[in-house]
Amino acid sequence: DEIKLYRLIYERFMACQMTDALFEQQS
């Protein structure tokens, strides 16, 4: 359980300092 929660926290911290994802939207 510790590794599950730790991975969640670790990856969220890294993700918050990365670039945004970019989509092309077509209508």
mmCIF file of all heavy atoms, coordinates in Angstrom:
data_MODEL
# 
_entry.id   MODEL 
# 
loop_
_atom_site.group_PDB 
_atom_site.id 
_atom_site.type_symbol 
_atom_site.label_atom_id 
_atom_site.label_alt_id 
_atom_site.label_comp_id 
_atom_site.label_asym_id 
_atom_site.label_entity_id 
_atom_site.label_seq_id 
_atom_site.pdbx_PDB_ins_code 
_atom_site.Cartn_x 
_atom_site.Cartn_y 
_atom_site.Cartn_z 
_atom_site.occupancy 
_atom_site.B_iso_or_equiv 
_atom_site.pdbx_formal_charge 
_atom_site.auth_seq_id 
_atom_site.auth_comp_id 
_atom_site.auth_asym_id 
_atom_site.auth_atom_id 
_atom_site.pdbx_PDB_model_num 
ATOM 1   N N   . ASP A 1 1  ? 0.828   -1.215 0.000   1.00 0.00 ? 1  ASP A N   1 
ATOM 2   C CA  . ASP A 1 1  ? 0.000   0.000  0.000   1.00 0.00 ? 1  ASP A CA  1 
ATOM 3   C C   . ASP A 1 1  ? 0.858   1.258  0.000   1.00 0.00 ? 1  ASP A C   1 
ATOM 4   O O   . ASP A 1 1  ? 0.494   2.275  -0.600  1.00 0.00 ? 1  ASP A O   1 
ATOM 5   C CB  . ASP A 1 1  ? -0.928  0.015  1.219   1.00 0.00 ? 1  ASP A CB  1 
ATOM 6   C CG  . ASP A 1 1  ? -2.051  -0.992 1.091   1.00 0.00 ? 1  ASP A CG  1 
ATOM 7   O OD1 . ASP A 1 1  ? -2.363  -1.394 -0.048  1.00 0.00 ? 1  ASP A OD1 1 
ATOM 8   O OD2 . ASP A 1 1  ? -2.624  -1.393 2.127   1.00 0.00 ? 1  ASP A OD2 1 
ATOM 9   N N   . GLU A 1 2  ? 2.002   1.185  0.669   1.00 0.00 ? 2  GLU A N   1 
ATOM 10  C CA  . GLU A 1 2  ? 2.896   2.352  0.718   1.00 0.00 ? 2  GLU A CA  1 
ATOM 11  C C   . GLU A 1 2  ? 3.441   2.686  -0.660  1.00 0.00 ? 2  GLU A C   1 
ATOM 12  O O   . GLU A 1 2  ? 3.479   3.864  -1.043  1.00 0.00 ? 2  GLU A O   1 
ATOM 13  C CB  . GLU A 1 2  ? 4.046   2.086  1.688   1.00 0.00 ? 2  GLU A CB  1 
ATOM 14  C CG  . GLU A 1 2  ? 3.615   2.045  3.151   1.00 0.00 ? 2  GLU A CG  1 
ATOM 15  C CD  . GLU A 1 2  ? 4.727   1.611  4.085   1.00 0.00 ? 2  GLU A CD  1 
ATOM 16  O OE1 . GLU A 1 2  ? 5.764   1.105  3.590   1.00 0.00 ? 2  GLU A OE1 1 
ATOM 17  O OE2 . GLU A 1 2  ? 4.561   1.757  5.304   1.00 0.00 ? 2  GLU A OE2 1 
ATOM 18  N N   . ILE A 1 3  ? 3.834   1.681  -1.431  1.00 0.00 ? 3  ILE A N   1 
ATOM 19  C CA  . ILE A 1 3  ? 4.391   1.966  -2.751  1.00 0.00 ? 3  ILE A CA  1 
ATOM 20  C C   . ILE A 1 3  ? 3.320   2.500  -3.696  1.00 0.00 ? 3  ILE A C   1 
ATOM 21  O O   . ILE A 1 3  ? 3.574   3.380  -4.529  1.00 0.00 ? 3  ILE A O   1 
ATOM 22  C CB  . ILE A 1 3  ? 5.091   0.722  -3.362  1.00 0.00 ? 3  ILE A CB  1 
ATOM 23  C CG1 . ILE A 1 3  ? 5.757   1.065  -4.697  1.00 0.00 ? 3  ILE A CG1 1 
ATOM 24  C CG2 . ILE A 1 3  ? 4.135   -0.432 -3.552  1.00 0.00 ? 3  ILE A CG2 1 
ATOM 25  C CD1 . ILE A 1 3  ? 6.815   2.129  -4.606  1.00 0.00 ? 3  ILE A CD1 1 
ATOM 26  N N   . LYS A 1 4  ? 2.082   2.032  -3.547  1.00 0.00 ? 4  LYS A N   1 
ATOM 27  C CA  . LYS A 1 4  ? 0.991   2.553  -4.389  1.00 0.00 ? 4  LYS A CA  1 
ATOM 28  C C   . LYS A 1 4  ? 0.776   4.044  -4.151  1.00 0.00 ? 4  LYS A C   1 
ATOM 29  O O   . LYS A 1 4  ? 0.668   4.834  -5.087  1.00 0.00 ? 4  LYS A O   1 
ATOM 30  C CB  . LYS A 1 4  ? -0.305  1.789  -4.098  1.00 0.00 ? 4  LYS A CB  1 
ATOM 31  C CG  . LYS A 1 4  ? -0.336  0.361  -4.586  1.00 0.00 ? 4  LYS A CG  1 
ATOM 32  C CD  . LYS A 1 4  ? -1.636  -0.318 -4.167  1.00 0.00 ? 4  LYS A CD  1 
ATOM 33  C CE  . LYS A 1 4  ? -1.651  -1.795 -4.540  1.00 0.00 ? 4  LYS A CE  1 
ATOM 34  N NZ  . LYS A 1 4  ? -2.887  -2.454 -4.051  1.00 0.00 ? 4  LYS A NZ  1 
ATOM 35  N N   . LEU A 1 5  ? 0.708   4.425  -2.876  1.00 0.00 ? 5  LEU A N   1 
ATOM 36  C CA  . LEU A 1 5  ? 0.459   5.834  -2.558  1.00 0.00 ? 5  LEU A CA  1 
ATOM 37  C C   . LEU A 1 5  ? 1.692   6.678  -2.872  1.00 0.00 ? 5  LEU A C   1 
ATOM 38  O O   . LEU A 1 5  ? 1.571   7.813  -3.364  1.00 0.00 ? 5  LEU A O   1 
ATOM 39  C CB  . LEU A 1 5  ? 0.073   5.980  -1.090  1.00 0.00 ? 5  LEU A CB  1 
ATOM 40  C CG  . LEU A 1 5  ? -0.505  7.344  -0.700  1.00 0.00 ? 5  LEU A CG  1 
ATOM 41  C CD1 . LEU A 1 5  ? -1.865  7.554  -1.361  1.00 0.00 ? 5  LEU A CD1 1 
ATOM 42  C CD2 . LEU A 1 5  ? -0.660  7.471  0.812   1.00 0.00 ? 5  LEU A CD2 1 
ATOM 43  N N   . TYR A 1 6  ? 2.866   6.133  -2.596  1.00 0.00 ? 6  TYR A N   1 
ATOM 44  C CA  . TYR A 1 6  ? 4.100   6.885  -2.872  1.00 0.00 ? 6  TYR A CA  1 
ATOM 45  C C   . TYR A 1 6  ? 4.244   7.162  -4.360  1.00 0.00 ? 6  TYR A C   1 
ATOM 46  O O   . TYR A 1 6  ? 4.623   8.273  -4.762  1.00 0.00 ? 6  TYR A O   1 
ATOM 47  C CB  . TYR A 1 6  ? 5.309   6.114  -2.357  1.00 0.00 ? 6  TYR A CB  1 
ATOM 48  C CG  . TYR A 1 6  ? 6.617   6.866  -2.558  1.00 0.00 ? 6  TYR A CG  1 
ATOM 49  C CD1 . TYR A 1 6  ? 6.897   7.997  -1.809  1.00 0.00 ? 6  TYR A CD1 1 
ATOM 50  C CD2 . TYR A 1 6  ? 7.542   6.448  -3.506  1.00 0.00 ? 6  TYR A CD2 1 
ATOM 51  C CE1 . TYR A 1 6  ? 8.089   8.704  -1.999  1.00 0.00 ? 6  TYR A CE1 1 
ATOM 52  C CE2 . TYR A 1 6  ? 8.735   7.135  -3.707  1.00 0.00 ? 6  TYR A CE2 1 
ATOM 53  C CZ  . TYR A 1 6  ? 8.997   8.266  -2.952  1.00 0.00 ? 6  TYR A CZ  1 
ATOM 54  O OH  . TYR A 1 6  ? 10.162  8.967  -3.147  1.00 0.00 ? 6  TYR A OH  1 
ATOM 55  N N   . ARG A 1 7  ? 3.937   6.187  -5.193  1.00 0.00 ? 7  ARG A N   1 
ATOM 56  C CA  . ARG A 1 7  ? 4.017   6.388  -6.650  1.00 0.00 ? 7  ARG A CA  1 
ATOM 57  C C   . ARG A 1 7  ? 3.067   7.503  -7.083  1.00 0.00 ? 7  ARG A C   1 
ATOM 58  O O   . ARG A 1 7  ? 3.402   8.338  -7.923  1.00 0.00 ? 7  ARG A O   1 
ATOM 59  C CB  . ARG A 1 7  ? 3.682   5.085  -7.387  1.00 0.00 ? 7  ARG A CB  1 
ATOM 60  C CG  . ARG A 1 7  ? 3.819   5.199  -8.907  1.00 0.00 ? 7  ARG A CG  1 
ATOM 61  C CD  . ARG A 1 7  ? 3.406   3.915  -9.598  1.00 0.00 ? 7  ARG A CD  1 
ATOM 62  N NE  . ARG A 1 7  ? 4.267   2.805  -9.254  1.00 0.00 ? 7  ARG A NE  1 
ATOM 63  C CZ  . ARG A 1 7  ? 5.433   2.563  -9.852  1.00 0.00 ? 7  ARG A CZ  1 
ATOM 64  N NH1 . ARG A 1 7  ? 5.860   3.354  -10.820 1.00 0.00 ? 7  ARG A NH1 1 
ATOM 65  N NH2 . ARG A 1 7  ? 6.157   1.523  -9.475  1.00 0.00 ? 7  ARG A NH2 1 
ATOM 66  N N   . LEU A 1 8  ? 1.875   7.508  -6.501  1.00 0.00 ? 8  LEU A N   1 
ATOM 67  C CA  . LEU A 1 8  ? 0.887   8.537  -6.816  1.00 0.00 ? 8  LEU A CA  1 
ATOM 68  C C   . LEU A 1 8  ? 1.443   9.930  -6.504  1.00 0.00 ? 8  LEU A C   1 
ATOM 69  O O   . LEU A 1 8  ? 1.336   10.857 -7.316  1.00 0.00 ? 8  LEU A O   1 
ATOM 70  C CB  . LEU A 1 8  ? -0.378  8.279  -5.988  1.00 0.00 ? 8  LEU A CB  1 
ATOM 71  C CG  . LEU A 1 8  ? -1.745  8.616  -6.581  1.00 0.00 ? 8  LEU A CG  1 
ATOM 72  C CD1 . LEU A 1 8  ? -1.994  7.877  -7.878  1.00 0.00 ? 8  LEU A CD1 1 
ATOM 73  C CD2 . LEU A 1 8  ? -2.829  8.279  -5.568  1.00 0.00 ? 8  LEU A CD2 1 
ATOM 74  N N   . ILE A 1 9  ? 2.047   10.066 -5.314  1.00 0.00 ? 9  ILE A N   1 
ATOM 75  C CA  . ILE A 1 9  ? 2.584   11.361 -4.879  1.00 0.00 ? 9  ILE A CA  1 
ATOM 76  C C   . ILE A 1 9  ? 3.797   11.763 -5.709  1.00 0.00 ? 9  ILE A C   1 
ATOM 77  O O   . ILE A 1 9  ? 3.921   12.918 -6.148  1.00 0.00 ? 9  ILE A O   1 
ATOM 78  C CB  . ILE A 1 9  ? 2.953   11.298 -3.377  1.00 0.00 ? 9  ILE A CB  1 
ATOM 79  C CG1 . ILE A 1 9  ? 1.687   11.105 -2.534  1.00 0.00 ? 9  ILE A CG1 1 
ATOM 80  C CG2 . ILE A 1 9  ? 3.712   12.542 -2.944  1.00 0.00 ? 9  ILE A CG2 1 
ATOM 81  C CD1 . ILE A 1 9  ? 1.956   10.732 -1.085  1.00 0.00 ? 9  ILE A CD1 1 
ATOM 82  N N   . TYR A 1 10 ? 4.682   10.802 -5.943  1.00 0.00 ? 10 TYR A N   1 
ATOM 83  C CA  . TYR A 1 10 ? 5.917   11.079 -6.687  1.00 0.00 ? 10 TYR A CA  1 
ATOM 84  C C   . TYR A 1 10 ? 5.595   11.539 -8.112  1.00 0.00 ? 10 TYR A C   1 
ATOM 85  O O   . TYR A 1 10 ? 6.099   12.558 -8.592  1.00 0.00 ? 10 TYR A O   1 
ATOM 86  C CB  . TYR A 1 10 ? 6.789   9.823  -6.720  1.00 0.00 ? 10 TYR A CB  1 
ATOM 87  C CG  . TYR A 1 10 ? 8.200   10.052 -7.215  1.00 0.00 ? 10 TYR A CG  1 
ATOM 88  C CD1 . TYR A 1 10 ? 9.254   10.199 -6.320  1.00 0.00 ? 10 TYR A CD1 1 
ATOM 89  C CD2 . TYR A 1 10 ? 8.481   10.117 -8.579  1.00 0.00 ? 10 TYR A CD2 1 
ATOM 90  C CE1 . TYR A 1 10 ? 10.557  10.404 -6.766  1.00 0.00 ? 10 TYR A CE1 1 
ATOM 91  C CE2 . TYR A 1 10 ? 9.775   10.331 -9.041  1.00 0.00 ? 10 TYR A CE2 1 
ATOM 92  C CZ  . TYR A 1 10 ? 10.819  10.469 -8.132  1.00 0.00 ? 10 TYR A CZ  1 
ATOM 93  O OH  . TYR A 1 10 ? 12.097  10.686 -8.584  1.00 0.00 ? 10 TYR A OH  1 
ATOM 94  N N   . GLU A 1 11 ? 4.727   10.793 -8.785  1.00 0.00 ? 11 GLU A N   1 
ATOM 95  C CA  . GLU A 1 11 ? 4.416   11.120 -10.178 1.00 0.00 ? 11 GLU A CA  1 
ATOM 96  C C   . GLU A 1 11 ? 3.598   12.401 -10.294 1.00 0.00 ? 11 GLU A C   1 
ATOM 97  O O   . GLU A 1 11 ? 3.751   13.155 -11.257 1.00 0.00 ? 11 GLU A O   1 
ATOM 98  C CB  . GLU A 1 11 ? 3.689   9.941  -10.842 1.00 0.00 ? 11 GLU A CB  1 
ATOM 99  C CG  . GLU A 1 11 ? 4.593   8.727  -11.017 1.00 0.00 ? 11 GLU A CG  1 
ATOM 100 C CD  . GLU A 1 11 ? 3.943   7.605  -11.805 1.00 0.00 ? 11 GLU A CD  1 
ATOM 101 O OE1 . GLU A 1 11 ? 2.717   7.692  -12.059 1.00 0.00 ? 11 GLU A OE1 1 
ATOM 102 O OE2 . GLU A 1 11 ? 4.659   6.644  -12.160 1.00 0.00 ? 11 GLU A OE2 1 
ATOM 103 N N   . ARG A 1 12 ? 2.739   12.676 -9.307  1.00 0.00 ? 12 ARG A N   1 
ATOM 104 C CA  . ARG A 1 12 ? 1.982   13.933 -9.358  1.00 0.00 ? 12 ARG A CA  1 
ATOM 105 C C   . ARG A 1 12 ? 2.920   15.129 -9.211  1.00 0.00 ? 12 ARG A C   1 
ATOM 106 O O   . ARG A 1 12 ? 2.749   16.152 -9.873  1.00 0.00 ? 12 ARG A O   1 
ATOM 107 C CB  . ARG A 1 12 ? 0.915   13.953 -8.262  1.00 0.00 ? 12 ARG A CB  1 
ATOM 108 C CG  . ARG A 1 12 ? 0.148   15.269 -8.140  1.00 0.00 ? 12 ARG A CG  1 
ATOM 109 C CD  . ARG A 1 12 ? -0.661  15.598 -9.390  1.00 0.00 ? 12 ARG A CD  1 
ATOM 110 N NE  . ARG A 1 12 ? -1.827  14.782 -9.497  1.00 0.00 ? 12 ARG A NE  1 
ATOM 111 C CZ  . ARG A 1 12 ? -3.046  15.159 -9.103  1.00 0.00 ? 12 ARG A CZ  1 
ATOM 112 N NH1 . ARG A 1 12 ? -3.239  16.347 -8.588  1.00 0.00 ? 12 ARG A NH1 1 
ATOM 113 N NH2 . ARG A 1 12 ? -4.068  14.341 -9.256  1.00 0.00 ? 12 ARG A NH2 1 
ATOM 114 N N   . PHE A 1 13 ? 3.928   14.999 -8.333  1.00 0.00 ? 13 PHE A N   1 
ATOM 115 C CA  . PHE A 1 13 ? 4.882   16.097 -8.152  1.00 0.00 ? 13 PHE A CA  1 
ATOM 116 C C   . PHE A 1 13 ? 5.670   16.345 -9.434  1.00 0.00 ? 13 PHE A C   1 
ATOM 117 O O   . PHE A 1 13 ? 5.851   17.495 -9.858  1.00 0.00 ? 13 PHE A O   1 
ATOM 118 C CB  . PHE A 1 13 ? 5.824   15.787 -6.991  1.00 0.00 ? 13 PHE A CB  1 
ATOM 119 C CG  . PHE A 1 13 ? 6.916   16.812 -6.807  1.00 0.00 ? 13 PHE A CG  1 
ATOM 120 C CD1 . PHE A 1 13 ? 6.606   18.145 -6.609  1.00 0.00 ? 13 PHE A CD1 1 
ATOM 121 C CD2 . PHE A 1 13 ? 8.254   16.439 -6.837  1.00 0.00 ? 13 PHE A CD2 1 
ATOM 122 C CE1 . PHE A 1 13 ? 7.607   19.099 -6.437  1.00 0.00 ? 13 PHE A CE1 1 
ATOM 123 C CE2 . PHE A 1 13 ? 9.253   17.382 -6.668  1.00 0.00 ? 13 PHE A CE2 1 
ATOM 124 C CZ  . PHE A 1 13 ? 8.933   18.712 -6.473  1.00 0.00 ? 13 PHE A CZ  1 
ATOM 125 N N   . MET A 1 14 ? 6.138   15.288 -10.062 1.00 0.00 ? 14 MET A N   1 
ATOM 126 C CA  . MET A 1 14 ? 6.866   15.468 -11.318 1.00 0.00 ? 14 MET A CA  1 
ATOM 127 C C   . MET A 1 14 ? 5.961   16.050 -12.397 1.00 0.00 ? 14 MET A C   1 
ATOM 128 O O   . MET A 1 14 ? 6.334   16.982 -13.110 1.00 0.00 ? 14 MET A O   1 
ATOM 129 C CB  . MET A 1 14 ? 7.443   14.131 -11.795 1.00 0.00 ? 14 MET A CB  1 
ATOM 130 C CG  . MET A 1 14 ? 8.678   13.679 -11.049 1.00 0.00 ? 14 MET A CG  1 
ATOM 131 S SD  . MET A 1 14 ? 9.506   12.286 -11.863 1.00 0.00 ? 14 MET A SD  1 
ATOM 132 C CE  . MET A 1 14 ? 10.076  13.037 -13.374 1.00 0.00 ? 14 MET A CE  1 
ATOM 133 N N   . ALA A 1 15 ? 4.755   15.513 -12.495 1.00 0.00 ? 15 ALA A N   1 
ATOM 134 C CA  . ALA A 1 15 ? 3.829   15.946 -13.543 1.00 0.00 ? 15 ALA A CA  1 
ATOM 135 C C   . ALA A 1 15 ? 3.490   17.424 -13.418 1.00 0.00 ? 15 ALA A C   1 
ATOM 136 O O   . ALA A 1 15 ? 3.335   18.126 -14.426 1.00 0.00 ? 15 ALA A O   1 
ATOM 137 C CB  . ALA A 1 15 ? 2.558   15.107 -13.500 1.00 0.00 ? 15 ALA A CB  1 
ATOM 138 N N   . CYS A 1 16 ? 3.377   17.914 -12.188 1.00 0.00 ? 16 CYS A N   1 
ATOM 139 C CA  . CYS A 1 16 ? 2.964   19.315 -12.004 1.00 0.00 ? 16 CYS A CA  1 
ATOM 140 C C   . CYS A 1 16 ? 4.002   20.300 -12.516 1.00 0.00 ? 16 CYS A C   1 
ATOM 141 O O   . CYS A 1 16 ? 3.700   21.489 -12.686 1.00 0.00 ? 16 CYS A O   1 
ATOM 142 C CB  . CYS A 1 16 ? 2.625   19.577 -10.537 1.00 0.00 ? 16 CYS A CB  1 
ATOM 143 S SG  . CYS A 1 16 ? 4.043   19.933 -9.468  1.00 0.00 ? 16 CYS A SG  1 
ATOM 144 N N   . GLN A 1 17 ? 5.241   19.834 -12.772 1.00 0.00 ? 17 GLN A N   1 
ATOM 145 C CA  . GLN A 1 17 ? 6.287   20.720 -13.282 1.00 0.00 ? 17 GLN A CA  1 
ATOM 146 C C   . GLN A 1 17 ? 6.654   20.424 -14.737 1.00 0.00 ? 17 GLN A C   1 
ATOM 147 O O   . GLN A 1 17 ? 7.649   20.941 -15.246 1.00 0.00 ? 17 GLN A O   1 
ATOM 148 C CB  . GLN A 1 17 ? 7.529   20.609 -12.393 1.00 0.00 ? 17 GLN A CB  1 
ATOM 149 C CG  . GLN A 1 17 ? 7.338   21.179 -10.998 1.00 0.00 ? 17 GLN A CG  1 
ATOM 150 C CD  . GLN A 1 17 ? 6.924   22.631 -11.011 1.00 0.00 ? 17 GLN A CD  1 
ATOM 151 O OE1 . GLN A 1 17 ? 7.461   23.441 -11.773 1.00 0.00 ? 17 GLN A OE1 1 
ATOM 152 N NE2 . GLN A 1 17 ? 5.951   22.992 -10.175 1.00 0.00 ? 17 GLN A NE2 1 
ATOM 153 N N   . MET A 1 18 ? 5.839   19.606 -15.413 1.00 0.00 ? 18 MET A N   1 
ATOM 154 C CA  . MET A 1 18 ? 6.091   19.295 -16.820 1.00 0.00 ? 18 MET A CA  1 
ATOM 155 C C   . MET A 1 18 ? 5.231   20.188 -17.722 1.00 0.00 ? 18 MET A C   1 
ATOM 156 O O   . MET A 1 18 ? 4.419   20.985 -17.239 1.00 0.00 ? 18 MET A O   1 
ATOM 157 C CB  . MET A 1 18 ? 5.801   17.810 -17.086 1.00 0.00 ? 18 MET A CB  1 
ATOM 158 C CG  . MET A 1 18 ? 6.752   16.872 -16.352 1.00 0.00 ? 18 MET A CG  1 
ATOM 159 S SD  . MET A 1 18 ? 6.367   15.119 -16.559 1.00 0.00 ? 18 MET A SD  1 
ATOM 160 C CE  . MET A 1 18 ? 6.836   14.870 -18.275 1.00 0.00 ? 18 MET A CE  1 
ATOM 161 N N   . THR A 1 19 ? 5.420   20.077 -19.004 1.00 0.00 ? 19 THR A N   1 
ATOM 162 C CA  . THR A 1 19 ? 4.641   20.884 -19.953 1.00 0.00 ? 19 THR A CA  1 
ATOM 163 C C   . THR A 1 19 ? 3.233   20.317 -20.108 1.00 0.00 ? 19 THR A C   1 
ATOM 164 O O   . THR A 1 19 ? 2.977   19.137 -19.850 1.00 0.00 ? 19 THR A O   1 
ATOM 165 C CB  . THR A 1 19 ? 5.323   20.902 -21.337 1.00 0.00 ? 19 THR A CB  1 
ATOM 166 O OG1 . THR A 1 19 ? 5.661   19.558 -21.696 1.00 0.00 ? 19 THR A OG1 1 
ATOM 167 C CG2 . THR A 1 19 ? 6.563   21.749 -21.328 1.00 0.00 ? 19 THR A CG2 1 
ATOM 168 N N   . ASP A 1 20 ? 2.313   21.174 -20.532 1.00 0.00 ? 20 ASP A N   1 
ATOM 169 C CA  . ASP A 1 20 ? 0.947   20.751 -20.783 1.00 0.00 ? 20 ASP A CA  1 
ATOM 170 C C   . ASP A 1 20 ? 0.901   19.817 -21.988 1.00 0.00 ? 20 ASP A C   1 
ATOM 171 O O   . ASP A 1 20 ? 1.759   19.878 -22.872 1.00 0.00 ? 20 ASP A O   1 
ATOM 172 C CB  . ASP A 1 20 ? 0.051   21.967 -21.075 1.00 0.00 ? 20 ASP A CB  1 
ATOM 173 C CG  . ASP A 1 20 ? -0.021  22.931 -19.910 1.00 0.00 ? 20 ASP A CG  1 
ATOM 174 O OD1 . ASP A 1 20 ? 0.181   22.483 -18.773 1.00 0.00 ? 20 ASP A OD1 1 
ATOM 175 O OD2 . ASP A 1 20 ? -0.275  24.131 -20.145 1.00 0.00 ? 20 ASP A OD2 1 
ATOM 176 N N   . ALA A 1 21 ? -0.117  18.970 -22.012 1.00 0.00 ? 21 ALA A N   1 
ATOM 177 C CA  . ALA A 1 21 ? -0.363  18.150 -23.207 1.00 0.00 ? 21 ALA A CA  1 
ATOM 178 C C   . ALA A 1 21 ? -1.121  19.009 -24.218 1.00 0.00 ? 21 ALA A C   1 
ATOM 179 O O   . ALA A 1 21 ? -1.837  19.945 -23.850 1.00 0.00 ? 21 ALA A O   1 
ATOM 180 C CB  . ALA A 1 21 ? -1.168  16.917 -22.839 1.00 0.00 ? 21 ALA A CB  1 
ATOM 181 N N   . LEU A 1 22 ? -0.978  18.673 -25.487 1.00 0.00 ? 22 LEU A N   1 
ATOM 182 C CA  . LEU A 1 22 ? -1.594  19.480 -26.548 1.00 0.00 ? 22 LEU A CA  1 
ATOM 183 C C   . LEU A 1 22 ? -2.410  18.586 -27.470 1.00 0.00 ? 22 LEU A C   1 
ATOM 184 O O   . LEU A 1 22 ? -1.922  17.563 -27.960 1.00 0.00 ? 22 LEU A O   1 
ATOM 185 C CB  . LEU A 1 22 ? -0.503  20.205 -27.342 1.00 0.00 ? 22 LEU A CB  1 
ATOM 186 C CG  . LEU A 1 22 ? -0.948  21.350 -28.254 1.00 0.00 ? 22 LEU A CG  1 
ATOM 187 C CD1 . LEU A 1 22 ? -1.613  22.456 -27.448 1.00 0.00 ? 22 LEU A CD1 1 
ATOM 188 C CD2 . LEU A 1 22 ? 0.246   21.900 -29.021 1.00 0.00 ? 22 LEU A CD2 1 
ATOM 189 N N   . PHE A 1 23 ? -3.669  18.969 -27.678 1.00 0.00 ? 23 PHE A N   1 
ATOM 190 C CA  . PHE A 1 23 ? -4.564  18.239 -28.563 1.00 0.00 ? 23 PHE A CA  1 
ATOM 191 C C   . PHE A 1 23 ? -4.941  19.110 -29.756 1.00 0.00 ? 23 PHE A C   1 
ATOM 192 O O   . PHE A 1 23 ? -5.005  20.340 -29.646 1.00 0.00 ? 23 PHE A O   1 
ATOM 193 C CB  . PHE A 1 23 ? -5.856  17.847 -27.831 1.00 0.00 ? 23 PHE A CB  1 
ATOM 194 C CG  . PHE A 1 23 ? -5.690  16.745 -26.830 1.00 0.00 ? 23 PHE A CG  1 
ATOM 195 C CD1 . PHE A 1 23 ? -5.367  17.029 -25.510 1.00 0.00 ? 23 PHE A CD1 1 
ATOM 196 C CD2 . PHE A 1 23 ? -5.863  15.419 -27.207 1.00 0.00 ? 23 PHE A CD2 1 
ATOM 197 C CE1 . PHE A 1 23 ? -5.220  16.024 -24.580 1.00 0.00 ? 23 PHE A CE1 1 
ATOM 198 C CE2 . PHE A 1 23 ? -5.717  14.403 -26.276 1.00 0.00 ? 23 PHE A CE2 1 
ATOM 199 C CZ  . PHE A 1 23 ? -5.391  14.708 -24.966 1.00 0.00 ? 23 PHE A CZ  1 
ATOM 200 N N   . GLU A 1 24 ? -5.208  18.457 -30.875 1.00 0.00 ? 24 GLU A N   1 
ATOM 201 C CA  . GLU A 1 24 ? -5.813  19.144 -32.020 1.00 0.00 ? 24 GLU A CA  1 
ATOM 202 C C   . GLU A 1 24 ? -7.286  18.776 -32.053 1.00 0.00 ? 24 GLU A C   1 
ATOM 203 O O   . GLU A 1 24 ? -7.639  17.604 -32.150 1.00 0.00 ? 24 GLU A O   1 
ATOM 204 C CB  . GLU A 1 24 ? -5.142  18.725 -33.330 1.00 0.00 ? 24 GLU A CB  1 
ATOM 205 C CG  . GLU A 1 24 ? -5.683  19.481 -34.530 1.00 0.00 ? 24 GLU A CG  1 
ATOM 206 C CD  . GLU A 1 24 ? -4.989  19.098 -35.815 1.00 0.00 ? 24 GLU A CD  1 
ATOM 207 O OE1 . GLU A 1 24 ? -5.396  18.085 -36.417 1.00 0.00 ? 24 GLU A OE1 1 
ATOM 208 O OE2 . GLU A 1 24 ? -4.034  19.802 -36.210 1.00 0.00 ? 24 GLU A OE2 1 
ATOM 209 N N   . GLN A 1 25 ? -8.134  19.785 -31.923 1.00 0.00 ? 25 GLN A N   1 
ATOM 210 C CA  . GLN A 1 25 ? -9.580  19.582 -31.867 1.00 0.00 ? 25 GLN A CA  1 
ATOM 211 C C   . GLN A 1 25 ? -10.176 19.935 -33.225 1.00 0.00 ? 25 GLN A C   1 
ATOM 212 O O   . GLN A 1 25 ? -9.894  20.999 -33.780 1.00 0.00 ? 25 GLN A O   1 
ATOM 213 C CB  . GLN A 1 25 ? -10.193 20.482 -30.789 1.00 0.00 ? 25 GLN A CB  1 
ATOM 214 C CG  . GLN A 1 25 ? -11.638 20.201 -30.475 1.00 0.00 ? 25 GLN A CG  1 
ATOM 215 C CD  . GLN A 1 25 ? -11.813 19.121 -29.426 1.00 0.00 ? 25 GLN A CD  1 
ATOM 216 O OE1 . GLN A 1 25 ? -10.955 18.938 -28.579 1.00 0.00 ? 25 GLN A OE1 1 
ATOM 217 N NE2 . GLN A 1 25 ? -12.905 18.402 -29.503 1.00 0.00 ? 25 GLN A NE2 1 
ATOM 218 N N   . GLN A 1 26 ? -11.002 19.045 -33.760 1.00 0.00 ? 26 GLN A N   1 
ATOM 219 C CA  . GLN A 1 26 ? -11.638 19.288 -35.056 1.00 0.00 ? 26 GLN A CA  1 
ATOM 220 C C   . GLN A 1 26 ? -13.150 19.195 -34.905 1.00 0.00 ? 26 GLN A C   1 
ATOM 221 O O   . GLN A 1 26 ? -13.672 18.320 -34.215 1.00 0.00 ? 26 GLN A O   1 
ATOM 222 C CB  . GLN A 1 26 ? -11.159 18.271 -36.094 1.00 0.00 ? 26 GLN A CB  1 
ATOM 223 C CG  . GLN A 1 26 ? -11.579 18.617 -37.515 1.00 0.00 ? 26 GLN A CG  1 
ATOM 224 C CD  . GLN A 1 26 ? -11.021 17.629 -38.533 1.00 0.00 ? 26 GLN A CD  1 
ATOM 225 O OE1 . GLN A 1 26 ? -11.072 16.435 -38.295 1.00 0.00 ? 26 GLN A OE1 1 
ATOM 226 N NE2 . GLN A 1 26 ? -10.497 18.119 -39.649 1.00 0.00 ? 26 GLN A NE2 1 
ATOM 227 N N   . SER A 1 27 ? -13.844 20.120 -35.544 1.00 0.00 ? 27 SER A N   1 
ATOM 228 C CA  . SER A 1 27 ? -15.299 20.146 -35.489 1.00 0.00 ? 27 SER A CA  1 
ATOM 229 C C   . SER A 1 27 ? -15.841 20.286 -36.909 1.00 0.00 ? 27 SER A C   1 
ATOM 230 O O   . SER A 1 27 ? -15.397 21.159 -37.664 1.00 0.00 ? 27 SER A O   1 
ATOM 231 C CB  . SER A 1 27 ? -15.774 21.313 -34.621 1.00 0.00 ? 27 SER A CB  1 
ATOM 232 O OG  . SER A 1 27 ? -17.175 21.363 -34.578 1.00 0.00 ? 27 SER A OG  1 
# 
